[in-house]
Amino acid sequence: MRLIFICVVVFWEPVVPNPVLASGDTVQCLYRSHHGWLQNWLRAKLGNTFDAADLAQDTFVRVLRHRHDLDALREPRAYLTTIAKRLLLNHHRRRSVENAYLEALALMPEQIAPPAEQRLIILETLQEIDEMLAGLSLPARQAFLMAQLEELSHGEIAQRLNVSLRTVHRYIARGFEQCIMAVS
């Protein structure tokens, strides 16, 4: 009971003599008080103890990066849940890319399938591309990928997506902008 009281006092104390030390204490207190709860919440969402543990740790890594924001924190579980939901979304997106790649590999004849090391490199590259294009709307991402991967003309893309040629130009330009911003 005393430990919880100490955590609350350190967490909500408005005047702090050493902000760096106090922020570290706040993160430690936040971790001790909510890590188990967060991991259980993630386990319920994922149905997997190992991924839940990884995402809980990743959540607290993000908290550490933004520990200067913790002084004004009023709802720690809501804060942790928001971070964890974003990480969960990224996790699902990465798994979706991985599953799509594995399905494509399964359809390949074994003689032309890439070796295991090359598969890993390809998968990491696909996930990086997915992250680069994540900021695009679905039609913009589809148009960009049709142009780059399927080498369709802008007219063909416009027909497939049922949009104007000008819209296709904008979509593809946004795709290139996303890639440039991600690389720079």
N, C-alpha and C. Protein backbone atom coordinates (compact mmCIF):
# COMPACT_ATOMS: atom_id res chain seq x y z
N MET A 1 0.83 -1.19 0.00
CA MET A 1 0.00 0.00 0.00
C MET A 1 0.87 1.25 0.00
N ARG A 2 1.95 1.23 0.76
CA ARG A 2 2.82 2.39 0.84
C ARG A 2 3.51 2.68 -0.50
N LEU A 3 3.90 1.64 -1.24
CA LEU A 3 4.55 1.80 -2.54
C LEU A 3 3.63 2.54 -3.50
N ILE A 4 2.38 2.17 -3.53
CA ILE A 4 1.43 2.84 -4.42
C ILE A 4 1.30 4.31 -4.04
N PHE A 5 1.23 4.60 -2.77
CA PHE A 5 1.13 5.98 -2.31
C PHE A 5 2.35 6.78 -2.73
N ILE A 6 3.53 6.21 -2.59
CA ILE A 6 4.76 6.90 -2.99
C ILE A 6 4.74 7.19 -4.49
N CYS A 7 4.31 6.22 -5.29
CA CYS A 7 4.23 6.41 -6.74
C CYS A 7 3.29 7.56 -7.08
N VAL A 8 2.16 7.62 -6.42
CA VAL A 8 1.19 8.67 -6.72
C VAL A 8 1.76 10.03 -6.35
N VAL A 9 2.43 10.13 -5.24
CA VAL A 9 3.01 11.40 -4.81
C VAL A 9 4.08 11.85 -5.80
N VAL A 10 4.98 10.96 -6.21
CA VAL A 10 6.02 11.32 -7.16
C VAL A 10 5.40 11.69 -8.50
N PHE A 11 4.38 10.95 -8.91
CA PHE A 11 3.77 11.13 -10.23
C PHE A 11 3.06 12.46 -10.35
N TRP A 12 2.37 12.91 -9.29
CA TRP A 12 1.55 14.12 -9.39
C TRP A 12 2.20 15.35 -8.77
N GLU A 13 3.36 15.24 -8.21
CA GLU A 13 4.00 16.38 -7.56
C GLU A 13 4.32 17.45 -8.59
N PRO A 14 3.76 18.68 -8.44
CA PRO A 14 3.94 19.71 -9.45
C PRO A 14 5.33 20.35 -9.48
N VAL A 15 6.00 20.47 -8.35
CA VAL A 15 7.31 21.11 -8.31
C VAL A 15 8.36 20.01 -8.15
N VAL A 16 9.28 19.94 -9.12
CA VAL A 16 10.27 18.88 -9.12
C VAL A 16 11.66 19.52 -9.17
N PRO A 17 12.52 19.20 -8.20
CA PRO A 17 13.83 19.81 -8.20
C PRO A 17 14.73 19.35 -9.33
N ASN A 18 14.65 18.09 -9.74
CA ASN A 18 15.49 17.57 -10.81
C ASN A 18 14.59 16.92 -11.86
N PRO A 19 14.26 17.65 -12.95
CA PRO A 19 13.30 17.13 -13.93
C PRO A 19 13.74 15.84 -14.61
N VAL A 20 15.02 15.65 -14.85
CA VAL A 20 15.48 14.43 -15.52
C VAL A 20 15.25 13.24 -14.60
N LEU A 21 15.66 13.37 -13.35
CA LEU A 21 15.48 12.29 -12.39
C LEU A 21 14.00 12.03 -12.14
N ALA A 22 13.21 13.09 -12.00
CA ALA A 22 11.79 12.92 -11.74
C ALA A 22 11.11 12.21 -12.89
N SER A 23 11.47 12.54 -14.12
CA SER A 23 10.85 11.88 -15.27
C SER A 23 11.17 10.39 -15.27
N GLY A 24 12.40 10.05 -14.93
CA GLY A 24 12.76 8.64 -14.84
C GLY A 24 11.99 7.94 -13.74
N ASP A 25 11.82 8.60 -12.60
CA ASP A 25 11.03 8.04 -11.51
C ASP A 25 9.59 7.86 -11.93
N THR A 26 9.06 8.81 -12.67
CA THR A 26 7.68 8.74 -13.13
C THR A 26 7.48 7.55 -14.07
N VAL A 27 8.42 7.36 -14.98
CA VAL A 27 8.33 6.22 -15.91
C VAL A 27 8.42 4.92 -15.13
N GLN A 28 9.33 4.85 -14.19
CA GLN A 28 9.47 3.64 -13.38
C GLN A 28 8.18 3.35 -12.62
N CYS A 29 7.60 4.37 -12.04
CA CYS A 29 6.35 4.21 -11.30
C CYS A 29 5.22 3.78 -12.25
N LEU A 30 5.16 4.40 -13.39
CA LEU A 30 4.15 4.06 -14.40
C LEU A 30 4.32 2.61 -14.84
N TYR A 31 5.55 2.21 -15.05
CA TYR A 31 5.84 0.83 -15.45
C TYR A 31 5.39 -0.16 -14.37
N ARG A 32 5.80 0.10 -13.15
CA ARG A 32 5.45 -0.82 -12.06
C ARG A 32 3.95 -0.90 -11.84
N SER A 33 3.28 0.22 -11.98
CA SER A 33 1.85 0.26 -11.69
C SER A 33 0.99 -0.30 -12.81
N HIS A 34 1.45 -0.22 -14.07
CA HIS A 34 0.55 -0.52 -15.18
C HIS A 34 1.07 -1.55 -16.19
N HIS A 35 2.31 -2.00 -16.05
CA HIS A 35 2.85 -2.93 -17.04
C HIS A 35 2.05 -4.23 -17.10
N GLY A 36 1.75 -4.81 -15.94
CA GLY A 36 0.99 -6.06 -15.91
C GLY A 36 -0.39 -5.89 -16.52
N TRP A 37 -1.04 -4.81 -16.16
CA TRP A 37 -2.37 -4.54 -16.73
C TRP A 37 -2.28 -4.41 -18.25
N LEU A 38 -1.30 -3.64 -18.73
CA LEU A 38 -1.15 -3.42 -20.18
C LEU A 38 -0.86 -4.73 -20.90
N GLN A 39 0.01 -5.53 -20.35
CA GLN A 39 0.35 -6.80 -20.99
C GLN A 39 -0.87 -7.72 -21.05
N ASN A 40 -1.67 -7.75 -20.00
CA ASN A 40 -2.90 -8.55 -20.02
C ASN A 40 -3.89 -8.02 -21.05
N TRP A 41 -4.00 -6.71 -21.15
CA TRP A 41 -4.90 -6.09 -22.13
C TRP A 41 -4.45 -6.47 -23.55
N LEU A 42 -3.16 -6.39 -23.79
CA LEU A 42 -2.63 -6.75 -25.11
C LEU A 42 -2.78 -8.25 -25.39
N ARG A 43 -2.59 -9.08 -24.38
CA ARG A 43 -2.76 -10.52 -24.55
C ARG A 43 -4.20 -10.84 -24.95
N ALA A 44 -5.15 -10.13 -24.36
CA ALA A 44 -6.56 -10.33 -24.72
C ALA A 44 -6.83 -9.92 -26.16
N LYS A 45 -6.16 -8.87 -26.60
CA LYS A 45 -6.34 -8.40 -27.98
C LYS A 45 -5.66 -9.31 -28.99
N LEU A 46 -4.48 -9.82 -28.63
CA LEU A 46 -3.67 -10.61 -29.57
C LEU A 46 -3.88 -12.11 -29.46
N GLY A 47 -4.26 -12.57 -28.27
CA GLY A 47 -4.36 -14.00 -28.05
C GLY A 47 -3.00 -14.68 -28.04
N ASN A 48 -1.95 -13.90 -27.74
CA ASN A 48 -0.59 -14.42 -27.81
C ASN A 48 0.25 -13.73 -26.74
N THR A 49 0.76 -14.50 -25.81
CA THR A 49 1.53 -13.95 -24.69
C THR A 49 2.83 -13.30 -25.14
N PHE A 50 3.51 -13.91 -26.10
CA PHE A 50 4.83 -13.40 -26.52
C PHE A 50 4.71 -12.06 -27.24
N ASP A 51 3.78 -11.96 -28.18
CA ASP A 51 3.59 -10.68 -28.88
C ASP A 51 3.09 -9.61 -27.91
N ALA A 52 2.25 -10.02 -26.97
CA ALA A 52 1.75 -9.06 -25.97
C ALA A 52 2.91 -8.50 -25.15
N ALA A 53 3.83 -9.38 -24.74
CA ALA A 53 4.99 -8.92 -23.97
C ALA A 53 5.85 -7.97 -24.79
N ASP A 54 6.07 -8.30 -26.06
CA ASP A 54 6.87 -7.43 -26.94
C ASP A 54 6.21 -6.06 -27.10
N LEU A 55 4.90 -6.05 -27.35
CA LEU A 55 4.22 -4.77 -27.56
C LEU A 55 4.12 -3.96 -26.27
N ALA A 56 4.01 -4.62 -25.14
CA ALA A 56 4.00 -3.89 -23.86
C ALA A 56 5.35 -3.20 -23.66
N GLN A 57 6.44 -3.92 -23.94
CA GLN A 57 7.77 -3.32 -23.82
C GLN A 57 7.93 -2.17 -24.81
N ASP A 58 7.48 -2.36 -26.06
CA ASP A 58 7.56 -1.29 -27.06
C ASP A 58 6.78 -0.06 -26.62
N THR A 59 5.65 -0.29 -25.95
CA THR A 59 4.85 0.83 -25.45
C THR A 59 5.65 1.64 -24.45
N PHE A 60 6.32 0.97 -23.54
CA PHE A 60 7.10 1.70 -22.53
C PHE A 60 8.36 2.32 -23.11
N VAL A 61 8.88 1.76 -24.19
CA VAL A 61 9.99 2.42 -24.89
C VAL A 61 9.51 3.76 -25.44
N ARG A 62 8.31 3.77 -26.01
CA ARG A 62 7.73 5.03 -26.51
C ARG A 62 7.50 6.01 -25.36
N VAL A 63 7.04 5.51 -24.23
CA VAL A 63 6.83 6.37 -23.06
C VAL A 63 8.16 7.00 -22.65
N LEU A 64 9.24 6.20 -22.64
CA LEU A 64 10.56 6.73 -22.29
C LEU A 64 10.99 7.85 -23.23
N ARG A 65 10.70 7.68 -24.51
CA ARG A 65 11.08 8.71 -25.49
C ARG A 65 10.35 10.03 -25.25
N HIS A 66 9.16 9.96 -24.67
CA HIS A 66 8.34 11.16 -24.46
C HIS A 66 8.09 11.40 -22.97
N ARG A 67 9.06 11.05 -22.15
CA ARG A 67 8.86 11.15 -20.70
C ARG A 67 8.65 12.58 -20.22
N HIS A 68 9.11 13.56 -20.98
CA HIS A 68 8.91 14.96 -20.58
C HIS A 68 7.43 15.35 -20.62
N ASP A 69 6.60 14.57 -21.32
CA ASP A 69 5.17 14.85 -21.41
C ASP A 69 4.39 14.27 -20.24
N LEU A 70 5.03 13.48 -19.41
CA LEU A 70 4.32 12.75 -18.36
C LEU A 70 3.88 13.62 -17.19
N ASP A 71 4.49 14.77 -17.02
CA ASP A 71 4.14 15.62 -15.88
C ASP A 71 2.67 16.02 -15.89
N ALA A 72 2.10 16.19 -17.07
CA ALA A 72 0.69 16.61 -17.18
C ALA A 72 -0.26 15.43 -17.33
N LEU A 73 0.23 14.22 -17.22
CA LEU A 73 -0.59 13.03 -17.45
C LEU A 73 -1.62 12.85 -16.34
N ARG A 74 -2.89 12.73 -16.75
CA ARG A 74 -3.98 12.56 -15.79
C ARG A 74 -4.56 11.14 -15.81
N GLU A 75 -4.55 10.51 -16.97
CA GLU A 75 -5.12 9.17 -17.14
C GLU A 75 -4.05 8.24 -17.71
N PRO A 76 -3.23 7.64 -16.86
CA PRO A 76 -2.11 6.83 -17.36
C PRO A 76 -2.55 5.64 -18.22
N ARG A 77 -3.62 4.96 -17.85
CA ARG A 77 -4.04 3.81 -18.64
C ARG A 77 -4.57 4.23 -20.01
N ALA A 78 -5.24 5.34 -20.08
CA ALA A 78 -5.71 5.83 -21.38
C ALA A 78 -4.51 6.19 -22.26
N TYR A 79 -3.50 6.81 -21.66
CA TYR A 79 -2.28 7.17 -22.39
C TYR A 79 -1.58 5.92 -22.92
N LEU A 80 -1.41 4.93 -22.04
CA LEU A 80 -0.75 3.69 -22.45
C LEU A 80 -1.57 2.94 -23.50
N THR A 81 -2.88 2.96 -23.35
CA THR A 81 -3.75 2.28 -24.32
C THR A 81 -3.64 2.94 -25.69
N THR A 82 -3.58 4.25 -25.73
CA THR A 82 -3.45 4.96 -27.01
C THR A 82 -2.16 4.56 -27.72
N ILE A 83 -1.07 4.55 -26.99
CA ILE A 83 0.22 4.14 -27.58
C ILE A 83 0.15 2.68 -28.03
N ALA A 84 -0.38 1.83 -27.17
CA ALA A 84 -0.44 0.39 -27.47
C ALA A 84 -1.34 0.13 -28.68
N LYS A 85 -2.43 0.87 -28.82
CA LYS A 85 -3.32 0.67 -29.97
C LYS A 85 -2.60 1.00 -31.28
N ARG A 86 -1.80 2.05 -31.27
CA ARG A 86 -1.02 2.40 -32.47
C ARG A 86 -0.01 1.30 -32.80
N LEU A 87 0.66 0.80 -31.77
CA LEU A 87 1.62 -0.29 -31.98
C LEU A 87 0.90 -1.56 -32.44
N LEU A 88 -0.28 -1.80 -31.91
CA LEU A 88 -1.08 -2.96 -32.30
C LEU A 88 -1.49 -2.87 -33.77
N LEU A 89 -1.87 -1.69 -34.19
CA LEU A 89 -2.21 -1.47 -35.60
C LEU A 89 -1.01 -1.74 -36.50
N ASN A 90 0.15 -1.22 -36.12
CA ASN A 90 1.38 -1.49 -36.88
C ASN A 90 1.70 -2.98 -36.90
N HIS A 91 1.50 -3.64 -35.78
CA HIS A 91 1.76 -5.08 -35.67
C HIS A 91 0.86 -5.84 -36.65
N HIS A 92 -0.42 -5.51 -36.66
CA HIS A 92 -1.36 -6.20 -37.56
C HIS A 92 -1.03 -5.93 -39.02
N ARG A 93 -0.64 -4.69 -39.30
CA ARG A 93 -0.28 -4.35 -40.68
C ARG A 93 0.95 -5.13 -41.13
N ARG A 94 1.94 -5.22 -40.27
CA ARG A 94 3.15 -5.99 -40.59
C ARG A 94 2.82 -7.47 -40.79
N ARG A 95 1.97 -8.01 -39.94
CA ARG A 95 1.58 -9.41 -40.09
C ARG A 95 0.80 -9.64 -41.38
N SER A 96 -0.01 -8.67 -41.74
CA SER A 96 -0.77 -8.78 -42.99
C SER A 96 0.17 -8.83 -44.20
N VAL A 97 1.18 -7.98 -44.20
CA VAL A 97 2.17 -7.98 -45.28
C VAL A 97 2.91 -9.32 -45.29
N GLU A 98 3.30 -9.78 -44.11
CA GLU A 98 4.02 -11.05 -44.01
C GLU A 98 3.17 -12.21 -44.52
N ASN A 99 1.90 -12.25 -44.13
CA ASN A 99 1.03 -13.33 -44.58
C ASN A 99 0.80 -13.30 -46.09
N ALA A 100 0.63 -12.10 -46.64
CA ALA A 100 0.45 -11.98 -48.10
C ALA A 100 1.70 -12.48 -48.83
N TYR A 101 2.87 -12.14 -48.31
CA TYR A 101 4.11 -12.59 -48.93
C TYR A 101 4.25 -14.11 -48.83
N LEU A 102 3.93 -14.66 -47.67
CA LEU A 102 4.03 -16.11 -47.49
C LEU A 102 3.04 -16.85 -48.40
N GLU A 103 1.86 -16.27 -48.61
CA GLU A 103 0.90 -16.87 -49.54
C GLU A 103 1.44 -16.85 -50.96
N ALA A 104 2.06 -15.73 -51.34
CA ALA A 104 2.65 -15.64 -52.68
C ALA A 104 3.79 -16.65 -52.84
N LEU A 105 4.59 -16.81 -51.81
CA LEU A 105 5.68 -17.79 -51.85
C LEU A 105 5.14 -19.21 -52.00
N ALA A 106 4.05 -19.50 -51.32
CA ALA A 106 3.47 -20.84 -51.37
C ALA A 106 2.99 -21.18 -52.78
N LEU A 107 2.64 -20.17 -53.55
CA LEU A 107 2.18 -20.41 -54.92
C LEU A 107 3.33 -20.58 -55.91
N MET A 108 4.53 -20.21 -55.50
CA MET A 108 5.71 -20.32 -56.37
C MET A 108 6.21 -21.75 -56.43
N PRO A 109 6.68 -22.17 -57.59
CA PRO A 109 7.36 -23.47 -57.63
C PRO A 109 8.63 -23.41 -56.77
N GLU A 110 8.93 -24.47 -56.07
CA GLU A 110 10.06 -24.49 -55.14
C GLU A 110 11.39 -24.17 -55.82
N GLN A 111 11.51 -24.52 -57.10
CA GLN A 111 12.77 -24.31 -57.82
C GLN A 111 13.09 -22.82 -58.00
N ILE A 112 12.06 -21.97 -58.09
CA ILE A 112 12.33 -20.54 -58.31
C ILE A 112 12.11 -19.70 -57.05
N ALA A 113 11.69 -20.32 -55.96
CA ALA A 113 11.50 -19.59 -54.70
C ALA A 113 12.86 -19.13 -54.17
N PRO A 114 12.92 -17.92 -53.63
CA PRO A 114 14.19 -17.42 -53.10
C PRO A 114 14.62 -18.18 -51.85
N PRO A 115 15.93 -18.21 -51.57
CA PRO A 115 16.41 -18.87 -50.35
C PRO A 115 15.94 -18.10 -49.10
N ALA A 116 16.02 -18.74 -47.96
CA ALA A 116 15.50 -18.19 -46.70
C ALA A 116 16.05 -16.80 -46.38
N GLU A 117 17.34 -16.59 -46.55
CA GLU A 117 17.95 -15.29 -46.24
C GLU A 117 17.37 -14.19 -47.14
N GLN A 118 17.23 -14.51 -48.41
CA GLN A 118 16.68 -13.54 -49.36
C GLN A 118 15.20 -13.29 -49.07
N ARG A 119 14.47 -14.29 -48.61
CA ARG A 119 13.06 -14.13 -48.24
C ARG A 119 12.92 -13.10 -47.13
N LEU A 120 13.81 -13.20 -46.15
CA LEU A 120 13.78 -12.26 -45.03
C LEU A 120 14.05 -10.84 -45.50
N ILE A 121 15.01 -10.66 -46.38
CA ILE A 121 15.33 -9.34 -46.92
C ILE A 121 14.14 -8.79 -47.70
N ILE A 122 13.52 -9.63 -48.51
CA ILE A 122 12.35 -9.22 -49.29
C ILE A 122 11.21 -8.82 -48.36
N LEU A 123 10.96 -9.62 -47.33
CA LEU A 123 9.89 -9.32 -46.38
C LEU A 123 10.15 -7.99 -45.67
N GLU A 124 11.37 -7.76 -45.22
CA GLU A 124 11.69 -6.49 -44.56
C GLU A 124 11.50 -5.31 -45.52
N THR A 125 11.87 -5.50 -46.77
CA THR A 125 11.69 -4.44 -47.77
C THR A 125 10.22 -4.16 -48.00
N LEU A 126 9.42 -5.21 -48.10
CA LEU A 126 7.97 -5.03 -48.28
C LEU A 126 7.36 -4.30 -47.10
N GLN A 127 7.81 -4.62 -45.89
CA GLN A 127 7.29 -3.94 -44.72
C GLN A 127 7.70 -2.47 -44.68
N GLU A 128 8.91 -2.17 -45.13
CA GLU A 128 9.36 -0.78 -45.22
C GLU A 128 8.53 -0.01 -46.24
N ILE A 129 8.25 -0.63 -47.37
CA ILE A 129 7.42 0.02 -48.40
C ILE A 129 6.02 0.26 -47.84
N ASP A 130 5.49 -0.73 -47.15
CA ASP A 130 4.16 -0.58 -46.54
C ASP A 130 4.13 0.59 -45.56
N GLU A 131 5.17 0.71 -44.75
CA GLU A 131 5.26 1.82 -43.80
C GLU A 131 5.35 3.16 -44.52
N MET A 132 6.12 3.19 -45.61
CA MET A 132 6.25 4.43 -46.38
C MET A 132 4.91 4.88 -46.94
N LEU A 133 4.11 3.93 -47.39
CA LEU A 133 2.85 4.27 -48.05
C LEU A 133 1.66 4.30 -47.09
N ALA A 134 1.89 4.05 -45.82
CA ALA A 134 0.81 3.98 -44.84
C ALA A 134 0.04 5.29 -44.72
N GLY A 135 0.67 6.40 -44.98
CA GLY A 135 0.01 7.69 -44.87
C GLY A 135 -0.91 8.03 -46.03
N LEU A 136 -0.92 7.20 -47.05
CA LEU A 136 -1.77 7.45 -48.22
C LEU A 136 -3.16 6.87 -48.01
N SER A 137 -4.12 7.47 -48.68
CA SER A 137 -5.46 6.87 -48.69
C SER A 137 -5.38 5.58 -49.49
N LEU A 138 -6.36 4.71 -49.32
CA LEU A 138 -6.36 3.43 -50.03
C LEU A 138 -6.33 3.61 -51.55
N PRO A 139 -7.15 4.50 -52.14
CA PRO A 139 -7.08 4.66 -53.60
C PRO A 139 -5.72 5.20 -54.07
N ALA A 140 -5.13 6.10 -53.30
CA ALA A 140 -3.82 6.64 -53.68
C ALA A 140 -2.76 5.56 -53.61
N ARG A 141 -2.81 4.74 -52.57
CA ARG A 141 -1.85 3.64 -52.44
C ARG A 141 -2.04 2.63 -53.57
N GLN A 142 -3.30 2.32 -53.91
CA GLN A 142 -3.57 1.39 -55.01
C GLN A 142 -3.05 1.94 -56.33
N ALA A 143 -3.30 3.21 -56.59
CA ALA A 143 -2.85 3.82 -57.84
C ALA A 143 -1.33 3.81 -57.93
N PHE A 144 -0.67 4.17 -56.86
CA PHE A 144 0.79 4.20 -56.85
C PHE A 144 1.35 2.80 -57.10
N LEU A 145 0.81 1.81 -56.42
CA LEU A 145 1.31 0.44 -56.58
C LEU A 145 1.00 -0.11 -57.97
N MET A 146 -0.16 0.23 -58.52
CA MET A 146 -0.48 -0.20 -59.89
C MET A 146 0.52 0.37 -60.89
N ALA A 147 0.89 1.62 -60.67
CA ALA A 147 1.84 2.27 -61.58
C ALA A 147 3.24 1.68 -61.43
N GLN A 148 3.66 1.43 -60.19
CA GLN A 148 5.03 0.98 -59.94
C GLN A 148 5.22 -0.52 -60.12
N LEU A 149 4.28 -1.31 -59.65
CA LEU A 149 4.46 -2.77 -59.68
C LEU A 149 3.86 -3.43 -60.92
N GLU A 150 2.69 -2.95 -61.31
CA GLU A 150 2.03 -3.56 -62.46
C GLU A 150 2.34 -2.81 -63.76
N GLU A 151 3.02 -1.67 -63.63
CA GLU A 151 3.40 -0.84 -64.77
C GLU A 151 2.21 -0.48 -65.64
N LEU A 152 1.08 -0.19 -64.99
CA LEU A 152 -0.10 0.24 -65.73
C LEU A 152 0.03 1.71 -66.10
N SER A 153 -0.57 2.07 -67.20
CA SER A 153 -0.59 3.49 -67.60
C SER A 153 -1.57 4.23 -66.69
N HIS A 154 -1.44 5.53 -66.67
CA HIS A 154 -2.34 6.34 -65.85
C HIS A 154 -3.79 6.16 -66.30
N GLY A 155 -3.99 6.03 -67.59
CA GLY A 155 -5.34 5.81 -68.12
C GLY A 155 -5.93 4.49 -67.64
N GLU A 156 -5.12 3.43 -67.65
CA GLU A 156 -5.59 2.13 -67.17
C GLU A 156 -5.92 2.18 -65.68
N ILE A 157 -5.11 2.90 -64.92
CA ILE A 157 -5.36 3.04 -63.48
C ILE A 157 -6.66 3.81 -63.26
N ALA A 158 -6.86 4.87 -64.03
CA ALA A 158 -8.08 5.67 -63.91
C ALA A 158 -9.31 4.80 -64.16
N GLN A 159 -9.23 3.94 -65.17
CA GLN A 159 -10.36 3.06 -65.47
C GLN A 159 -10.59 2.05 -64.34
N ARG A 160 -9.54 1.45 -63.84
CA ARG A 160 -9.68 0.45 -62.77
C ARG A 160 -10.25 1.04 -61.49
N LEU A 161 -9.80 2.25 -61.17
CA LEU A 161 -10.25 2.88 -59.92
C LEU A 161 -11.50 3.73 -60.11
N ASN A 162 -11.91 3.89 -61.37
CA ASN A 162 -13.09 4.70 -61.69
C ASN A 162 -12.94 6.14 -61.19
N VAL A 163 -11.78 6.73 -61.51
CA VAL A 163 -11.49 8.13 -61.16
C VAL A 163 -10.95 8.83 -62.40
N SER A 164 -10.81 10.14 -62.32
CA SER A 164 -10.30 10.90 -63.46
C SER A 164 -8.79 10.72 -63.59
N LEU A 165 -8.29 11.03 -64.76
CA LEU A 165 -6.85 10.96 -65.03
C LEU A 165 -6.09 11.92 -64.12
N ARG A 166 -6.66 13.09 -63.91
CA ARG A 166 -6.04 14.09 -63.02
C ARG A 166 -5.90 13.55 -61.59
N THR A 167 -6.92 12.83 -61.13
CA THR A 167 -6.87 12.24 -59.79
C THR A 167 -5.76 11.20 -59.70
N VAL A 168 -5.60 10.40 -60.76
CA VAL A 168 -4.53 9.40 -60.78
C VAL A 168 -3.17 10.09 -60.69
N HIS A 169 -3.00 11.19 -61.43
CA HIS A 169 -1.73 11.95 -61.36
C HIS A 169 -1.46 12.40 -59.93
N ARG A 170 -2.51 12.91 -59.27
CA ARG A 170 -2.36 13.38 -57.88
C ARG A 170 -2.00 12.22 -56.95
N TYR A 171 -2.69 11.10 -57.11
CA TYR A 171 -2.42 9.92 -56.27
C TYR A 171 -0.96 9.47 -56.41
N ILE A 172 -0.49 9.38 -57.62
CA ILE A 172 0.87 8.90 -57.85
C ILE A 172 1.88 9.92 -57.33
N ALA A 173 1.61 11.20 -57.50
CA ALA A 173 2.49 12.24 -56.95
C ALA A 173 2.56 12.14 -55.43
N ARG A 174 1.41 11.89 -54.79
CA ARG A 174 1.41 11.72 -53.33
C ARG A 174 2.23 10.50 -52.92
N GLY A 175 2.14 9.46 -53.71
CA GLY A 175 2.94 8.26 -53.44
C GLY A 175 4.43 8.56 -53.46
N PHE A 176 4.86 9.29 -54.48
CA PHE A 176 6.27 9.67 -54.56
C PHE A 176 6.66 10.59 -53.42
N GLU A 177 5.77 11.51 -53.04
CA GLU A 177 6.04 12.40 -51.91
C GLU A 177 6.24 11.60 -50.63
N GLN A 178 5.38 10.60 -50.39
CA GLN A 178 5.52 9.77 -49.21
C GLN A 178 6.86 9.05 -49.18
N CYS A 179 7.27 8.53 -50.33
CA CYS A 179 8.54 7.82 -50.41
C CYS A 179 9.71 8.75 -50.15
N ILE A 180 9.66 9.93 -50.73
CA ILE A 180 10.74 10.91 -50.54
C ILE A 180 10.82 11.35 -49.08
N MET A 181 9.66 11.60 -48.47
CA MET A 181 9.66 12.01 -47.07
C MET A 181 10.19 10.90 -46.16
N ALA A 182 9.87 9.66 -46.48
CA ALA A 182 10.32 8.53 -45.66
C ALA A 182 11.83 8.31 -45.77
N VAL A 183 12.39 8.58 -46.93
CA VAL A 183 13.82 8.35 -47.16
C VAL A 183 14.65 9.51 -46.61
N SER A 184 14.11 10.70 -46.64
CA SER A 184 14.91 11.86 -46.19
C SER A 184 14.81 12.12 -44.73
